[in-house]
Amino acid sequence: IDLLRSDYSVALKERADWLASEVATLSDGEIDDLVRSRMDL
């Protein structure tokens, strides 16, 4: 992953880091609620 250095790859890694801290550790129910609320939108 460290070898991927294009602007897109860097931006993707930044967003993955954000998701890991903000979303990945949520419970299954919390993720379901998040997706359900977005799917409605």
Full PDB file with SEQRES, HELIX, SHEET, SSBOND, CRYST1, ORIGX, SCALE, CONECT and MASTER records, all heavy atoms in Angstrom:
SEQRES   1 A   41  ILE ASP LEU LEU ARG SER ASP TYR SER VAL ALA LEU LYS          
SEQRES   2 A   41  GLU ARG ALA ASP TRP LEU ALA SER GLU VAL ALA THR LEU          
SEQRES   3 A   41  SER ASP GLY GLU ILE ASP ASP LEU VAL ARG SER ARG MET          
SEQRES   4 A   41  ASP LEU                                                      
HELIX    1 AA1 ASP A    7  GLU A   22  1                                  16    
HELIX    2 AA2 ASP A   28  ASP A   40  1                                  13    
CRYST1    1.000    1.000    1.000  90.00  90.00  90.00 P 1           1          
ORIGX1      1.000000  0.000000  0.000000        0.00000                         
ORIGX2      0.000000  1.000000  0.000000        0.00000                         
ORIGX3      0.000000  0.000000  1.000000        0.00000                         
SCALE1      1.000000  0.000000  0.000000        0.00000                         
SCALE2      0.000000  1.000000  0.000000        0.00000                         
SCALE3      0.000000  0.000000  1.000000        0.00000                         
ATOM      1  N   ILE A   1       0.828  -1.208   0.000  1.00  0.00           N  
ATOM      2  CA  ILE A   1       0.000   0.000   0.000  1.00  0.00           C  
ATOM      3  C   ILE A   1       0.862   1.258   0.000  1.00  0.00           C  
ATOM      4  O   ILE A   1       0.534   2.256  -0.637  1.00  0.00           O  
ATOM      5  CB  ILE A   1      -0.977  -0.009   1.197  1.00  0.00           C  
ATOM      6  CG1 ILE A   1      -1.991  -1.136   1.059  1.00  0.00           C  
ATOM      7  CG2 ILE A   1      -1.672   1.326   1.370  1.00  0.00           C  
ATOM      8  CD1 ILE A   1      -2.774  -1.136  -0.224  1.00  0.00           C  
ATOM      9  N   ASP A   2       1.987   1.218   0.712  1.00  0.00           N  
ATOM     10  CA  ASP A   2       2.885   2.381   0.743  1.00  0.00           C  
ATOM     11  C   ASP A   2       3.431   2.728  -0.639  1.00  0.00           C  
ATOM     12  O   ASP A   2       3.800   3.878  -0.892  1.00  0.00           O  
ATOM     13  CB  ASP A   2       4.065   2.132   1.693  1.00  0.00           C  
ATOM     14  CG  ASP A   2       3.656   2.211   3.153  1.00  0.00           C  
ATOM     15  OD1 ASP A   2       2.560   2.732   3.447  1.00  0.00           O  
ATOM     16  OD2 ASP A   2       4.446   1.734   4.002  1.00  0.00           O  
ATOM     17  N   LEU A   3       3.454   1.758  -1.542  1.00  0.00           N  
ATOM     18  CA  LEU A   3       3.962   2.000  -2.899  1.00  0.00           C  
ATOM     19  C   LEU A   3       2.957   2.748  -3.779  1.00  0.00           C  
ATOM     20  O   LEU A   3       3.327   3.279  -4.823  1.00  0.00           O  
ATOM     21  CB  LEU A   3       4.338   0.680  -3.574  1.00  0.00           C  
ATOM     22  CG  LEU A   3       5.486  -0.092  -2.925  1.00  0.00           C  
ATOM     23  CD1 LEU A   3       5.639  -1.460  -3.585  1.00  0.00           C  
ATOM     24  CD2 LEU A   3       6.775   0.703  -3.008  1.00  0.00           C  
ATOM     25  N   LEU A   4       1.712   2.790  -3.352  1.00  0.00           N  
ATOM     26  CA  LEU A   4       0.670   3.474  -4.120  1.00  0.00           C  
ATOM     27  C   LEU A   4       0.703   4.952  -3.769  1.00  0.00           C  
ATOM     28  O   LEU A   4       0.337   5.344  -2.663  1.00  0.00           O  
ATOM     29  CB  LEU A   4      -0.707   2.875  -3.806  1.00  0.00           C  
ATOM     30  CG  LEU A   4      -0.848   1.372  -4.047  1.00  0.00           C  
ATOM     31  CD1 LEU A   4      -2.220   0.893  -3.592  1.00  0.00           C  
ATOM     32  CD2 LEU A   4      -0.598   1.027  -5.503  1.00  0.00           C  
ATOM     33  N   ARG A   5       1.156   5.777  -4.707  1.00  0.00           N  
ATOM     34  CA  ARG A   5       1.394   7.184  -4.389  1.00  0.00           C  
ATOM     35  C   ARG A   5       0.701   8.179  -5.309  1.00  0.00           C  
ATOM     36  O   ARG A   5       0.966   9.375  -5.233  1.00  0.00           O  
ATOM     37  CB  ARG A   5       2.899   7.449  -4.404  1.00  0.00           C  
ATOM     38  CG  ARG A   5       3.599   6.656  -3.322  1.00  0.00           C  
ATOM     39  CD  ARG A   5       5.005   7.068  -3.140  1.00  0.00           C  
ATOM     40  NE  ARG A   5       5.602   6.273  -2.079  1.00  0.00           N  
ATOM     41  CZ  ARG A   5       6.860   6.000  -2.003  1.00  0.00           C  
ATOM     42  NH1 ARG A   5       7.688   6.447  -2.928  1.00  0.00           N  
ATOM     43  NH2 ARG A   5       7.327   5.280  -1.012  1.00  0.00           N  
ATOM     44  N   SER A   6      -0.161   7.716  -6.183  1.00  0.00           N  
ATOM     45  CA  SER A   6      -0.879   8.665  -7.035  1.00  0.00           C  
ATOM     46  C   SER A   6      -1.778   9.534  -6.150  1.00  0.00           C  
ATOM     47  O   SER A   6      -2.084   9.174  -5.011  1.00  0.00           O  
ATOM     48  CB  SER A   6      -1.731   7.922  -8.062  1.00  0.00           C  
ATOM     49  OG  SER A   6      -2.822   7.285  -7.422  1.00  0.00           O  
ATOM     50  N   ASP A   7      -2.206  10.679  -6.670  1.00  0.00           N  
ATOM     51  CA  ASP A   7      -3.101  11.555  -5.907  1.00  0.00           C  
ATOM     52  C   ASP A   7      -4.353  10.801  -5.477  1.00  0.00           C  
ATOM     53  O   ASP A   7      -4.814  10.940  -4.344  1.00  0.00           O  
ATOM     54  CB  ASP A   7      -3.493  12.784  -6.734  1.00  0.00           C  
ATOM     55  CG  ASP A   7      -2.331  13.728  -6.972  1.00  0.00           C  
ATOM     56  OD1 ASP A   7      -1.309  13.620  -6.261  1.00  0.00           O  
ATOM     57  OD2 ASP A   7      -2.450  14.585  -7.871  1.00  0.00           O  
ATOM     58  N   TYR A   8      -4.901   9.998  -6.378  1.00  0.00           N  
ATOM     59  CA  TYR A   8      -6.113   9.234  -6.068  1.00  0.00           C  
ATOM     60  C   TYR A   8      -5.846   8.225  -4.949  1.00  0.00           C  
ATOM     61  O   TYR A   8      -6.630   8.103  -4.011  1.00  0.00           O  
ATOM     62  CB  TYR A   8      -6.635   8.524  -7.319  1.00  0.00           C  
ATOM     63  CG  TYR A   8      -7.900   7.742  -7.061  1.00  0.00           C  
ATOM     64  CD1 TYR A   8      -9.143   8.360  -7.108  1.00  0.00           C  
ATOM     65  CD2 TYR A   8      -7.850   6.384  -6.768  1.00  0.00           C  
ATOM     66  CE1 TYR A   8     -10.308   7.657  -6.860  1.00  0.00           C  
ATOM     67  CE2 TYR A   8      -9.011   5.664  -6.517  1.00  0.00           C  
ATOM     68  CZ  TYR A   8     -10.236   6.308  -6.571  1.00  0.00           C  
ATOM     69  OH  TYR A   8     -11.388   5.612  -6.317  1.00  0.00           O  
ATOM     70  N   SER A   9      -4.723   7.515  -5.040  1.00  0.00           N  
ATOM     71  CA  SER A   9      -4.383   6.514  -4.017  1.00  0.00           C  
ATOM     72  C   SER A   9      -4.191   7.159  -2.653  1.00  0.00           C  
ATOM     73  O   SER A   9      -4.649   6.630  -1.634  1.00  0.00           O  
ATOM     74  CB  SER A   9      -3.110   5.751  -4.404  1.00  0.00           C  
ATOM     75  OG  SER A   9      -3.311   5.020  -5.580  1.00  0.00           O  
ATOM     76  N   VAL A  10      -3.533   8.292  -2.618  1.00  0.00           N  
ATOM     77  CA  VAL A  10      -3.316   9.007  -1.351  1.00  0.00           C  
ATOM     78  C   VAL A  10      -4.662   9.435  -0.765  1.00  0.00           C  
ATOM     79  O   VAL A  10      -4.927   9.262   0.428  1.00  0.00           O  
ATOM     80  CB  VAL A  10      -2.368  10.213  -1.548  1.00  0.00           C  
ATOM     81  CG1 VAL A  10      -2.349  11.115  -0.321  1.00  0.00           C  
ATOM     82  CG2 VAL A  10      -0.963   9.721  -1.884  1.00  0.00           C  
ATOM     83  N   ALA A  11      -5.540   9.979  -1.613  1.00  0.00           N  
ATOM     84  CA  ALA A  11      -6.862  10.399  -1.155  1.00  0.00           C  
ATOM     85  C   ALA A  11      -7.675   9.201  -0.668  1.00  0.00           C  
ATOM     86  O   ALA A  11      -8.390   9.292   0.345  1.00  0.00           O  
ATOM     87  CB  ALA A  11      -7.598  11.131  -2.277  1.00  0.00           C  
ATOM     88  N   LEU A  12      -7.565   8.080  -1.355  1.00  0.00           N  
ATOM     89  CA  LEU A  12      -8.271   6.870  -0.958  1.00  0.00           C  
ATOM     90  C   LEU A  12      -7.769   6.378   0.399  1.00  0.00           C  
ATOM     91  O   LEU A  12      -8.566   6.015   1.275  1.00  0.00           O  
ATOM     92  CB  LEU A  12      -8.091   5.791  -2.029  1.00  0.00           C  
ATOM     93  CG  LEU A  12      -8.920   4.529  -1.903  1.00  0.00           C  
ATOM     94  CD1 LEU A  12     -10.410   4.854  -1.982  1.00  0.00           C  
ATOM     95  CD2 LEU A  12      -8.540   3.547  -3.004  1.00  0.00           C  
ATOM     96  N   LYS A  13      -6.462   6.398   0.602  1.00  0.00           N  
ATOM     97  CA  LYS A  13      -5.895   5.980   1.887  1.00  0.00           C  
ATOM     98  C   LYS A  13      -6.337   6.912   3.016  1.00  0.00           C  
ATOM     99  O   LYS A  13      -6.637   6.454   4.122  1.00  0.00           O  
ATOM    100  CB  LYS A  13      -4.363   5.909   1.805  1.00  0.00           C  
ATOM    101  CG  LYS A  13      -3.885   4.739   0.948  1.00  0.00           C  
ATOM    102  CD  LYS A  13      -2.384   4.569   1.012  1.00  0.00           C  
ATOM    103  CE  LYS A  13      -1.690   5.350  -0.064  1.00  0.00           C  
ATOM    104  NZ  LYS A  13      -0.237   5.064  -0.132  1.00  0.00           N  
ATOM    105  N   GLU A  14      -6.405   8.205   2.751  1.00  0.00           N  
ATOM    106  CA  GLU A  14      -6.875   9.153   3.764  1.00  0.00           C  
ATOM    107  C   GLU A  14      -8.315   8.848   4.158  1.00  0.00           C  
ATOM    108  O   GLU A  14      -8.670   8.870   5.343  1.00  0.00           O  
ATOM    109  CB  GLU A  14      -6.778  10.590   3.252  1.00  0.00           C  
ATOM    110  CG  GLU A  14      -5.362  11.100   3.125  1.00  0.00           C  
ATOM    111  CD  GLU A  14      -5.248  12.407   2.351  1.00  0.00           C  
ATOM    112  OE1 GLU A  14      -6.272  12.896   1.802  1.00  0.00           O  
ATOM    113  OE2 GLU A  14      -4.122  12.945   2.288  1.00  0.00           O  
ATOM    114  N   ARG A  15      -9.158   8.553   3.190  1.00  0.00           N  
ATOM    115  CA  ARG A  15     -10.551   8.247   3.474  1.00  0.00           C  
ATOM    116  C   ARG A  15     -10.694   6.903   4.185  1.00  0.00           C  
ATOM    117  O   ARG A  15     -11.540   6.742   5.062  1.00  0.00           O  
ATOM    118  CB  ARG A  15     -11.379   8.300   2.193  1.00  0.00           C  
ATOM    119  CG  ARG A  15     -11.671   9.755   1.819  1.00  0.00           C  
ATOM    120  CD  ARG A  15     -11.796   9.961   0.326  1.00  0.00           C  
ATOM    121  NE  ARG A  15     -12.051  11.362   0.017  1.00  0.00           N  
ATOM    122  CZ  ARG A  15     -11.093  12.296  -0.072  1.00  0.00           C  
ATOM    123  NH1 ARG A  15      -9.821  11.993   0.138  1.00  0.00           N  
ATOM    124  NH2 ARG A  15     -11.402  13.546  -0.370  1.00  0.00           N  
ATOM    125  N   ALA A  16      -9.852   5.950   3.835  1.00  0.00           N  
ATOM    126  CA  ALA A  16      -9.863   4.653   4.521  1.00  0.00           C  
ATOM    127  C   ALA A  16      -9.462   4.830   5.984  1.00  0.00           C  
ATOM    128  O   ALA A  16     -10.065   4.213   6.875  1.00  0.00           O  
ATOM    129  CB  ALA A  16      -8.932   3.677   3.812  1.00  0.00           C  
ATOM    130  N   ASP A  17      -8.468   5.672   6.243  1.00  0.00           N  
ATOM    131  CA  ASP A  17      -8.069   5.954   7.627  1.00  0.00           C  
ATOM    132  C   ASP A  17      -9.222   6.601   8.393  1.00  0.00           C  
ATOM    133  O   ASP A  17      -9.486   6.261   9.548  1.00  0.00           O  
ATOM    134  CB  ASP A  17      -6.835   6.862   7.671  1.00  0.00           C  
ATOM    135  CG  ASP A  17      -5.561   6.164   7.237  1.00  0.00           C  
ATOM    136  OD1 ASP A  17      -5.507   4.913   7.245  1.00  0.00           O  
ATOM    137  OD2 ASP A  17      -4.597   6.877   6.871  1.00  0.00           O  
ATOM    138  N   TRP A  18      -9.917   7.543   7.747  1.00  0.00           N  
ATOM    139  CA  TRP A  18     -11.056   8.193   8.373  1.00  0.00           C  
ATOM    140  C   TRP A  18     -12.145   7.166   8.695  1.00  0.00           C  
ATOM    141  O   TRP A  18     -12.694   7.146   9.805  1.00  0.00           O  
ATOM    142  CB  TRP A  18     -11.600   9.311   7.478  1.00  0.00           C  
ATOM    143  CG  TRP A  18     -12.751  10.035   8.096  1.00  0.00           C  
ATOM    144  CD1 TRP A  18     -12.691  11.059   8.997  1.00  0.00           C  
ATOM    145  CD2 TRP A  18     -14.143   9.771   7.879  1.00  0.00           C  
ATOM    146  NE1 TRP A  18     -13.965  11.444   9.349  1.00  0.00           N  
ATOM    147  CE2 TRP A  18     -14.862  10.676   8.689  1.00  0.00           C  
ATOM    148  CE3 TRP A  18     -14.829   8.859   7.090  1.00  0.00           C  
ATOM    149  CZ2 TRP A  18     -16.255  10.686   8.718  1.00  0.00           C  
ATOM    150  CZ3 TRP A  18     -16.215   8.871   7.119  1.00  0.00           C  
ATOM    151  CH2 TRP A  18     -16.916   9.779   7.921  1.00  0.00           C  
ATOM    152  N   LEU A  19     -12.462   6.293   7.724  1.00  0.00           N  
ATOM    153  CA  LEU A  19     -13.475   5.264   7.950  1.00  0.00           C  
ATOM    154  C   LEU A  19     -13.072   4.312   9.071  1.00  0.00           C  
ATOM    155  O   LEU A  19     -13.915   3.896   9.871  1.00  0.00           O  
ATOM    156  CB  LEU A  19     -13.712   4.444   6.669  1.00  0.00           C  
ATOM    157  CG  LEU A  19     -14.659   5.020   5.649  1.00  0.00           C  
ATOM    158  CD1 LEU A  19     -14.682   4.143   4.405  1.00  0.00           C  
ATOM    159  CD2 LEU A  19     -16.054   5.160   6.206  1.00  0.00           C  
ATOM    160  N   ALA A  20     -11.795   3.947   9.119  1.00  0.00           N  
ATOM    161  CA  ALA A  20     -11.320   3.025  10.154  1.00  0.00           C  
ATOM    162  C   ALA A  20     -11.558   3.612  11.540  1.00  0.00           C  
ATOM    163  O   ALA A  20     -11.925   2.887  12.468  1.00  0.00           O  
ATOM    164  CB  ALA A  20      -9.839   2.713   9.951  1.00  0.00           C  
ATOM    165  N   SER A  21     -11.392   4.915  11.682  1.00  0.00           N  
ATOM    166  CA  SER A  21     -11.573   5.527  12.998  1.00  0.00           C  
ATOM    167  C   SER A  21     -13.027   5.878  13.287  1.00  0.00           C  
ATOM    168  O   SER A  21     -13.454   5.860  14.440  1.00  0.00           O  
ATOM    169  CB  SER A  21     -10.686   6.765  13.141  1.00  0.00           C  
ATOM    170  OG  SER A  21     -11.107   7.783  12.269  1.00  0.00           O  
ATOM    171  N   GLU A  22     -13.818   6.199  12.271  1.00  0.00           N  
ATOM    172  CA  GLU A  22     -15.179   6.696  12.493  1.00  0.00           C  
ATOM    173  C   GLU A  22     -16.284   5.658  12.283  1.00  0.00           C  
ATOM    174  O   GLU A  22     -17.355   5.798  12.866  1.00  0.00           O  
ATOM    175  CB  GLU A  22     -15.459   7.887  11.563  1.00  0.00           C  
ATOM    176  CG  GLU A  22     -14.548   9.071  11.788  1.00  0.00           C  
ATOM    177  CD  GLU A  22     -14.745   9.726  13.145  1.00  0.00           C  
ATOM    178  OE1 GLU A  22     -15.903   9.788  13.619  1.00  0.00           O  
ATOM    179  OE2 GLU A  22     -13.738  10.160  13.730  1.00  0.00           O  
ATOM    180  N   VAL A  23     -16.045   4.654  11.439  1.00  0.00           N  
ATOM    181  CA  VAL A  23     -17.133   3.759  11.054  1.00  0.00           C  
ATOM    182  C   VAL A  23     -16.804   2.279  11.300  1.00  0.00           C  
ATOM    183  O   VAL A  23     -17.664   1.528  11.757  1.00  0.00           O  
ATOM    184  CB  VAL A  23     -17.500   3.964   9.558  1.00  0.00           C  
ATOM    185  CG1 VAL A  23     -18.558   2.984   9.099  1.00  0.00           C  
ATOM    186  CG2 VAL A  23     -17.956   5.399   9.321  1.00  0.00           C  
ATOM    187  N   ALA A  24     -15.595   1.860  11.010  1.00  0.00           N  
ATOM    188  CA  ALA A  24     -15.259   0.426  11.025  1.00  0.00           C  
ATOM    189  C   ALA A  24     -15.500  -0.240  12.368  1.00  0.00           C  
ATOM    190  O   ALA A  24     -15.810  -1.430  12.426  1.00  0.00           O  
ATOM    191  CB  ALA A  24     -13.820   0.222  10.584  1.00  0.00           C  
ATOM    192  N   THR A  25     -15.386   0.495  13.447  1.00  0.00           N  
ATOM    193  CA  THR A  25     -15.552  -0.110  14.770  1.00  0.00           C  
ATOM    194  C   THR A  25     -16.987  -0.054  15.287  1.00  0.00           C  
ATOM    195  O   THR A  25     -17.262  -0.525  16.388  1.00  0.00           O  
ATOM    196  CB  THR A  25     -14.612   0.571  15.785  1.00  0.00           C  
ATOM    197  OG1 THR A  25     -14.895   1.969  15.812  1.00  0.00           O  
ATOM    198  CG2 THR A  25     -13.153   0.349  15.419  1.00  0.00           C  
ATOM    199  N   LEU A  26     -17.908   0.510  14.520  1.00  0.00           N  
ATOM    200  CA  LEU A  26     -19.314   0.531  14.917  1.00  0.00           C  
ATOM    201  C   LEU A  26     -19.857  -0.896  14.972  1.00  0.00           C  
ATOM    202  O   LEU A  26     -19.361  -1.789  14.274  1.00  0.00           O  
ATOM    203  CB  LEU A  26     -20.152   1.350  13.929  1.00  0.00           C  
ATOM    204  CG  LEU A  26     -19.846   2.836  13.812  1.00  0.00           C  
ATOM    205  CD1 LEU A  26     -20.709   3.467  12.713  1.00  0.00           C  
ATOM    206  CD2 LEU A  26     -20.069   3.553  15.133  1.00  0.00           C  
ATOM    207  N   SER A  27     -20.891  -1.096  15.748  1.00  0.00           N  
ATOM    208  CA  SER A  27     -21.540  -2.410  15.787  1.00  0.00           C  
ATOM    209  C   SER A  27     -22.247  -2.660  14.455  1.00  0.00           C  
ATOM    210  O   SER A  27     -22.501  -1.724  13.682  1.00  0.00           O  
ATOM    211  CB  SER A  27     -22.551  -2.463  16.929  1.00  0.00           C  
ATOM    212  OG  SER A  27     -23.670  -1.642  16.618  1.00  0.00           O  
ATOM    213  N   ASP A  28     -22.603  -3.912  14.208  1.00  0.00           N  
ATOM    214  CA  ASP A  28     -23.334  -4.240  12.982  1.00  0.00           C  
ATOM    215  C   ASP A  28     -24.644  -3.453  12.907  1.00  0.00           C  
ATOM    216  O   ASP A  28     -25.011  -2.934  11.856  1.00  0.00           O  
ATOM    217  CB  ASP A  28     -23.622  -5.741  12.905  1.00  0.00           C  
ATOM    218  CG  ASP A  28     -22.394  -6.562  12.575  1.00  0.00           C  
ATOM    219  OD1 ASP A  28     -21.398  -5.988  12.091  1.00  0.00           O  
ATOM    220  OD2 ASP A  28     -22.437  -7.790  12.797  1.00  0.00           O  
ATOM    221  N   GLY A  29     -25.332  -3.334  14.043  1.00  0.00           N  
ATOM    222  CA  GLY A  29     -26.588  -2.582  14.075  1.00  0.00           C  
ATOM    223  C   GLY A  29     -26.398  -1.116  13.743  1.00  0.00           C  
ATOM    224  O   GLY A  29     -27.202  -0.521  13.020  1.00  0.00           O  
ATOM    225  N   GLU A  30     -25.321  -0.523  14.264  1.00  0.00           N  
ATOM    226  CA  GLU A  30     -25.043   0.888  13.991  1.00  0.00           C  
ATOM    227  C   GLU A  30     -24.697   1.102  12.515  1.00  0.00           C  
ATOM    228  O   GLU A  30     -25.125   2.100  11.907  1.00  0.00           O  
ATOM    229  CB  GLU A  30     -23.902   1.388  14.877  1.00  0.00           C  
ATOM    230  CG  GLU A  30     -24.279   1.498  16.349  1.00  0.00           C  
ATOM    231  CD  GLU A  30     -23.084   1.742  17.254  1.00  0.00           C  
ATOM    232  OE1 GLU A  30     -22.004   1.166  17.019  1.00  0.00           O  
ATOM    233  OE2 GLU A  30     -23.252   2.513  18.223  1.00  0.00           O  
ATOM    234  N   ILE A  31     -23.948   0.180  11.938  1.00  0.00           N  
ATOM    235  CA  ILE A  31     -23.627   0.291  10.505  1.00  0.00           C  
ATOM    236  C   ILE A  31     -24.891   0.105   9.681  1.00  0.00           C  
ATOM    237  O   ILE A  31     -25.123   0.834   8.707  1.00  0.00           O  
ATOM    238  CB  ILE A  31     -22.518  -0.692  10.097  1.00  0.00           C  
ATOM    239  CG1 ILE A  31     -21.182  -0.191  10.652  1.00  0.00           C  
ATOM    240  CG2 ILE A  31     -22.450  -0.857   8.580  1.00  0.00           C  
ATOM    241  CD1 ILE A  31     -19.980  -1.025  10.284  1.00  0.00           C  
ATOM    242  N   ASP A  32     -25.737  -0.846  10.070  1.00  0.00           N  
ATOM    243  CA  ASP A  32     -27.010  -1.046   9.367  1.00  0.00           C  
ATOM    244  C   ASP A  32     -27.842   0.231   9.403  1.00  0.00           C  
ATOM    245  O   ASP A  32     -28.411   0.638   8.391  1.00  0.00           O  
ATOM    246  CB  ASP A  32     -27.808  -2.193   9.987  1.00  0.00           C  
ATOM    247  CG  ASP A  32     -27.212  -3.559   9.691  1.00  0.00           C  
ATOM    248  OD1 ASP A  32     -26.330  -3.657   8.813  1.00  0.00           O  
ATOM    249  OD2 ASP A  32     -27.633  -4.528  10.356  1.00  0.00           O  
ATOM    250  N   ASP A  33     -27.910   0.870  10.576  1.00  0.00           N  
ATOM    251  CA  ASP A  33     -28.676   2.121  10.702  1.00  0.00           C  
ATOM    252  C   ASP A  33     -28.095   3.217   9.821  1.00  0.00           C  
ATOM    253  O   ASP A  33     -28.837   3.956   9.168  1.00  0.00           O  
ATOM    254  CB  ASP A  33     -28.704   2.590  12.158  1.00  0.00           C  
ATOM    255  CG  ASP A  33     -29.563   1.703  13.055  1.00  0.00           C  
ATOM    256  OD1 ASP A  33     -30.366   0.910  12.522  1.00  0.00           O  
ATOM    257  OD2 ASP A  33     -29.408   1.807  14.287  1.00  0.00           O  
ATOM    258  N   LEU A  34     -26.774   3.324   9.803  1.00  0.00           N  
ATOM    259  CA  LEU A  34     -26.104   4.334   8.982  1.00  0.00           C  
ATOM    260  C   LEU A  34     -26.430   4.120   7.502  1.00  0.00           C  
ATOM    261  O   LEU A  34     -26.824   5.047   6.801  1.00  0.00           O  
ATOM    262  CB  LEU A  34     -24.590   4.267   9.205  1.00  0.00           C  
ATOM    263  CG  LEU A  34     -23.727   5.184   8.337  1.00  0.00           C  
ATOM    264  CD1 LEU A  34     -23.975   6.643   8.705  1.00  0.00           C  
ATOM    265  CD2 LEU A  34     -22.257   4.827   8.515  1.00  0.00           C  
ATOM    266  N   VAL A  35     -26.294   2.883   7.042  1.00  0.00           N  
ATOM    267  CA  VAL A  35     -26.561   2.578   5.632  1.00  0.00           C  
ATOM    268  C   VAL A  35     -28.040   2.771   5.319  1.00  0.00           C  
ATOM    269  O   VAL A  35     -28.392   3.364   4.303  1.00  0.00           O  
ATOM    270  CB  VAL A  35     -26.089   1.147   5.275  1.00  0.00           C  
ATOM    271  CG1 VAL A  35     -26.573   0.737   3.900  1.00  0.00           C  
ATOM    272  CG2 VAL A  35     -24.574   1.058   5.359  1.00  0.00           C  
ATOM    273  N   ARG A  36     -28.898   2.313   6.215  1.00  0.00           N  
ATOM    274  CA  ARG A  36     -30.337   2.453   5.996  1.00  0.00           C  
ATOM    275  C   ARG A  36     -30.728   3.928   5.874  1.00  0.00           C  
ATOM    276  O   ARG A  36     -31.495   4.302   4.989  1.00  0.00           O  
ATOM    277  CB  ARG A  36     -31.105   1.790   7.138  1.00  0.00           C  
ATOM    278  CG  ARG A  36     -32.552   1.539   6.819  1.00  0.00           C  
ATOM    279  CD  ARG A  36     -33.279   0.739   7.913  1.00  0.00           C  
ATOM    280  NE  ARG A  36     -32.675  -0.569   8.135  1.00  0.00           N  
ATOM    281  CZ  ARG A  36     -31.984  -0.917   9.246  1.00  0.00           C  
ATOM    282  NH1 ARG A  36     -31.798  -0.065  10.221  1.00  0.00           N  
ATOM    283  NH2 ARG A  36     -31.491  -2.122   9.357  1.00  0.00           N  
ATOM    284  N   SER A  37     -30.165   4.773   6.725  1.00  0.00           N  
ATOM    285  CA  SER A  37     -30.498   6.200   6.660  1.00  0.00           C  
ATOM    286  C   SER A  37     -30.001   6.814   5.354  1.00  0.00           C  
ATOM    287  O   SER A  37     -30.641   7.676   4.771  1.00  0.00           O  
ATOM    288  CB  SER A  37     -29.925   6.953   7.861  1.00  0.00           C  
ATOM    289  OG  SER A  37     -28.510   7.038   7.786  1.00  0.00           O  
ATOM    290  N   ARG A  38     -28.857   6.386   4.877  1.00  0.00           N  
ATOM    291  CA  ARG A  38     -28.323   6.894   3.610  1.00  0.00           C  
ATOM    292  C   ARG A  38     -29.107   6.317   2.439  1.00  0.00           C  
ATOM    293  O   ARG A  38     -29.358   7.009   1.462  1.00  0.00           O  
ATOM    294  CB  ARG A  38     -26.838   6.536   3.454  1.00  0.00           C  
ATOM    295  CG  ARG A  38     -25.947   7.213   4.462  1.00  0.00           C  
ATOM    296  CD  ARG A  38     -25.933   8.712   4.237  1.00  0.00           C  
ATOM    297  NE  ARG A  38     -26.703   9.384   5.263  1.00  0.00           N  
ATOM    298  CZ  ARG A  38     -26.898  10.685   5.341  1.00  0.00           C  
ATOM    299  NH1 ARG A  38     -26.395  11.501   4.465  1.00  0.00           N  
ATOM    300  NH2 ARG A  38     -27.612  11.204   6.295  1.00  0.00           N  
ATOM    301  N   MET A  39     -29.483   5.037   2.521  1.00  0.00           N  
ATOM    302  CA  MET A  39     -30.247   4.423   1.434  1.00  0.00           C  
ATOM    303  C   MET A  39     -31.577   5.158   1.263  1.00  0.00           C  
ATOM    304  O   MET A  39     -32.017   5.380   0.153  1.00  0.00           O  
ATOM    305  CB  MET A  39     -30.511   2.931   1.719  1.00  0.00           C  
ATOM    306  CG  MET A  39     -29.269   2.069   1.663  1.00  0.00           C  
ATOM    307  SD  MET A  39     -28.693   1.781   0.002  1.00  0.00           S  
ATOM    308  CE  MET A  39     -29.545   0.267  -0.358  1.00  0.00           C  
ATOM    309  N   ASP A  40     -32.198   5.543   2.378  1.00  0.00           N  
ATOM    310  CA  ASP A  40     -33.445   6.312   2.287  1.00  0.00           C  
ATOM    311  C   ASP A  40     -33.198   7.620   1.553  1.00  0.00           C  
ATOM    312  O   ASP A  40     -33.977   8.029   0.708  1.00  0.00           O  
ATOM    313  CB  ASP A  40     -34.020   6.587   3.684  1.00  0.00           C  
ATOM    314  CG  ASP A  40     -34.575   5.332   4.345  1.00  0.00           C  
ATOM    315  OD1 ASP A  40     -34.796   4.329   3.634  1.00  0.00           O  
ATOM    316  OD2 ASP A  40     -34.768   5.346   5.577  1.00  0.00           O  
ATOM    317  N   LEU A  41     -32.081   8.293   1.861  1.00  0.00           N  
ATOM    318  CA  LEU A  41     -31.734   9.550   1.192  1.00  0.00           C  
ATOM    319  C   LEU A  41     -31.498   9.298  -0.296  1.00  0.00           C  
ATOM    320  O   LEU A  41     -31.996  10.031  -1.144  1.00  0.00           O  
ATOM    321  CB  LEU A  41     -30.488  10.165   1.831  1.00  0.00           C  
ATOM    322  CG  LEU A  41     -29.916  11.409   1.149  1.00  0.00           C  
ATOM    323  CD1 LEU A  41     -30.898  12.568   1.246  1.00  0.00           C  
ATOM    324  CD2 LEU A  41     -28.583  11.788   1.763  1.00  0.00           C  
TER     325      LEU A  41                                                      
MASTER        0    0    0    2    0    0    0    6  324    1    0    4          
END                                                                             
